[in-house]
Amino acid sequence: MTQIKPAQKDICVLEERINALESRNLFQDDVIEQLSEELAVHQAQIAELREQIQLVANRLKDAGSLASSKEEIEPPPPHY
């Protein structure tokens, strides 16, 4: 039976640690890429929602100015 010298054992341990770190690094790179893609999708959705909110706000503003410009304002119903 051959004995592994302490220096060879240390090298084996270091190689295992390097391989583990490389594996973790590849996994993290993949996760970062996925998160980046998801973030881009969310940013596009937020931009679209902002446009829709602005459109609704403009419509409400226009409807409010139309209602206030009416000459005759209806009184509230009797049950108020």
C-alpha atoms as a PDB file:
ATOM      1  CA  MET A   1       0.000   0.000   0.000  1.00  0.00           C
ATOM      2  CA  THR A   2       1.402   3.370  -1.014  1.00  0.00           C
ATOM      3  CA  GLN A   3       1.208   6.209   1.359  1.00  0.00           C
ATOM      4  CA  ILE A   4       0.203   9.660   0.233  1.00  0.00           C
ATOM      5  CA  LYS A   5       2.715  12.248   1.285  1.00  0.00           C
ATOM      6  CA  PRO A   6       1.379  15.221   3.273  1.00  0.00           C
ATOM      7  CA  ALA A   7       2.162  17.609   0.393  1.00  0.00           C
ATOM      8  CA  GLN A   8       0.212  15.445  -2.073  1.00  0.00           C
ATOM      9  CA  LYS A   9      -2.693  15.254   0.365  1.00  0.00           C
ATOM     10  CA  ASP A  10      -2.715  19.026   0.687  1.00  0.00           C
ATOM     11  CA  ILE A  11      -2.713  19.370  -3.097  1.00  0.00           C
ATOM     12  CA  CYS A  12      -5.642  16.955  -3.385  1.00  0.00           C
ATOM     13  CA  VAL A  13      -7.585  18.907  -0.761  1.00  0.00           C
ATOM     14  CA  LEU A  14      -6.858  22.181  -2.550  1.00  0.00           C
ATOM     15  CA  GLU A  15      -7.940  20.721  -5.895  1.00  0.00           C
ATOM     16  CA  GLU A  16     -11.210  19.533  -4.363  1.00  0.00           C
ATOM     17  CA  ARG A  17     -11.815  22.956  -2.862  1.00  0.00           C
ATOM     18  CA  ILE A  18     -11.041  24.668  -6.180  1.00  0.00           C
ATOM     19  CA  ASN A  19     -13.421  22.329  -8.014  1.00  0.00           C
ATOM     20  CA  ALA A  20     -16.134  23.039  -5.442  1.00  0.00           C
ATOM     21  CA  LEU A  21     -15.588  26.794  -5.813  1.00  0.00           C
ATOM     22  CA  GLU A  22     -15.700  26.567  -9.607  1.00  0.00           C
ATOM     23  CA  SER A  23     -18.967  24.629  -9.422  1.00  0.00           C
ATOM     24  CA  ARG A  24     -20.478  27.210  -7.087  1.00  0.00           C
ATOM     25  CA  ASN A  25     -19.262  30.005  -9.350  1.00  0.00           C
ATOM     26  CA  LEU A  26     -20.904  28.432 -12.411  1.00  0.00           C
ATOM     27  CA  PHE A  27     -24.145  27.952 -10.493  1.00  0.00           C
ATOM     28  CA  GLN A  28     -24.095  31.564  -9.293  1.00  0.00           C
ATOM     29  CA  ASP A  29     -23.408  32.819 -12.817  1.00  0.00           C
ATOM     30  CA  ASP A  30     -26.443  30.886 -14.052  1.00  0.00           C
ATOM     31  CA  VAL A  31     -28.646  32.251 -11.265  1.00  0.00           C
ATOM     32  CA  ILE A  32     -27.440  35.803 -11.906  1.00  0.00           C
ATOM     33  CA  GLU A  33     -28.269  35.442 -15.612  1.00  0.00           C
ATOM     34  CA  GLN A  34     -31.751  34.151 -14.792  1.00  0.00           C
ATOM     35  CA  LEU A  35     -32.350  37.001 -12.342  1.00  0.00           C
ATOM     36  CA  SER A  36     -31.135  39.519 -14.887  1.00  0.00           C
ATOM     37  CA  GLU A  37     -33.575  38.208 -17.489  1.00  0.00           C
ATOM     38  CA  GLU A  38     -36.417  38.237 -14.963  1.00  0.00           C
ATOM     39  CA  LEU A  39     -35.529  41.790 -13.938  1.00  0.00           C
ATOM     40  CA  ALA A  40     -35.648  42.916 -17.558  1.00  0.00           C
ATOM     41  CA  VAL A  41     -39.124  41.397 -17.936  1.00  0.00           C
ATOM     42  CA  HIS A  42     -40.320  43.119 -14.759  1.00  0.00           C
ATOM     43  CA  GLN A  43     -38.906  46.466 -15.844  1.00  0.00           C
ATOM     44  CA  ALA A  44     -40.784  46.205 -19.138  1.00  0.00           C
ATOM     45  CA  GLN A  45     -43.996  45.348 -17.288  1.00  0.00           C
ATOM     46  CA  ILE A  46     -43.527  48.291 -14.913  1.00  0.00           C
ATOM     47  CA  ALA A  47     -42.998  50.655 -17.847  1.00  0.00           C
ATOM     48  CA  GLU A  48     -46.170  49.372 -19.504  1.00  0.00           C
ATOM     49  CA  LEU A  49     -48.163  49.734 -16.280  1.00  0.00           C
ATOM     50  CA  ARG A  50     -46.897  53.282 -15.822  1.00  0.00           C
ATOM     51  CA  GLU A  51     -48.094  54.151 -19.313  1.00  0.00           C
ATOM     52  CA  GLN A  52     -51.504  52.633 -18.570  1.00  0.00           C
ATOM     53  CA  ILE A  53     -51.779  54.528 -15.264  1.00  0.00           C
ATOM     54  CA  GLN A  54     -50.876  57.768 -17.023  1.00  0.00           C
ATOM     55  CA  LEU A  55     -53.531  57.087 -19.655  1.00  0.00           C
ATOM     56  CA  VAL A  56     -56.166  56.427 -16.978  1.00  0.00           C
ATOM     57  CA  ALA A  57     -55.116  59.544 -15.051  1.00  0.00           C
ATOM     58  CA  ASN A  58     -55.425  61.649 -18.204  1.00  0.00           C
ATOM     59  CA  ARG A  59     -58.865  60.212 -18.932  1.00  0.00           C
ATOM     60  CA  LEU A  60     -60.010  60.925 -15.377  1.00  0.00           C
ATOM     61  CA  LYS A  61     -58.646  64.450 -15.616  1.00  0.00           C
ATOM     62  CA  ASP A  62     -60.462  64.992 -18.907  1.00  0.00           C
ATOM     63  CA  ALA A  63     -63.685  63.510 -17.530  1.00  0.00           C
ATOM     64  CA  GLY A  64     -63.415  65.708 -14.445  1.00  0.00           C
ATOM     65  CA  SER A  65     -62.957  68.852 -16.486  1.00  0.00           C
ATOM     66  CA  LEU A  66     -65.921  67.897 -18.667  1.00  0.00           C
ATOM     67  CA  ALA A  67     -68.116  67.333 -15.614  1.00  0.00           C
ATOM     68  CA  SER A  68     -67.126  70.625 -14.000  1.00  0.00           C
ATOM     69  CA  SER A  69     -67.734  72.545 -17.206  1.00  0.00           C
ATOM     70  CA  LYS A  70     -71.388  71.512 -17.361  1.00  0.00           C
ATOM     71  CA  GLU A  71     -73.686  74.453 -16.878  1.00  0.00           C
ATOM     72  CA  GLU A  72     -76.235  72.517 -14.915  1.00  0.00           C
ATOM     73  CA  ILE A  73     -75.104  70.471 -11.939  1.00  0.00           C
ATOM     74  CA  GLU A  74     -77.575  67.834 -10.904  1.00  0.00           C
ATOM     75  CA  PRO A  75     -78.672  67.979  -7.270  1.00  0.00           C
ATOM     76  CA  PRO A  76     -78.093  64.834  -5.245  1.00  0.00           C
ATOM     77  CA  PRO A  77     -80.917  62.323  -5.089  1.00  0.00           C
ATOM     78  CA  PRO A  78     -83.448  62.828  -2.279  1.00  0.00           C
ATOM     79  CA  HIS A  79     -82.165  59.939  -0.195  1.00  0.00           C
ATOM     80  CA  TYR A  80     -78.858  61.783   0.484  1.00  0.00           C
END
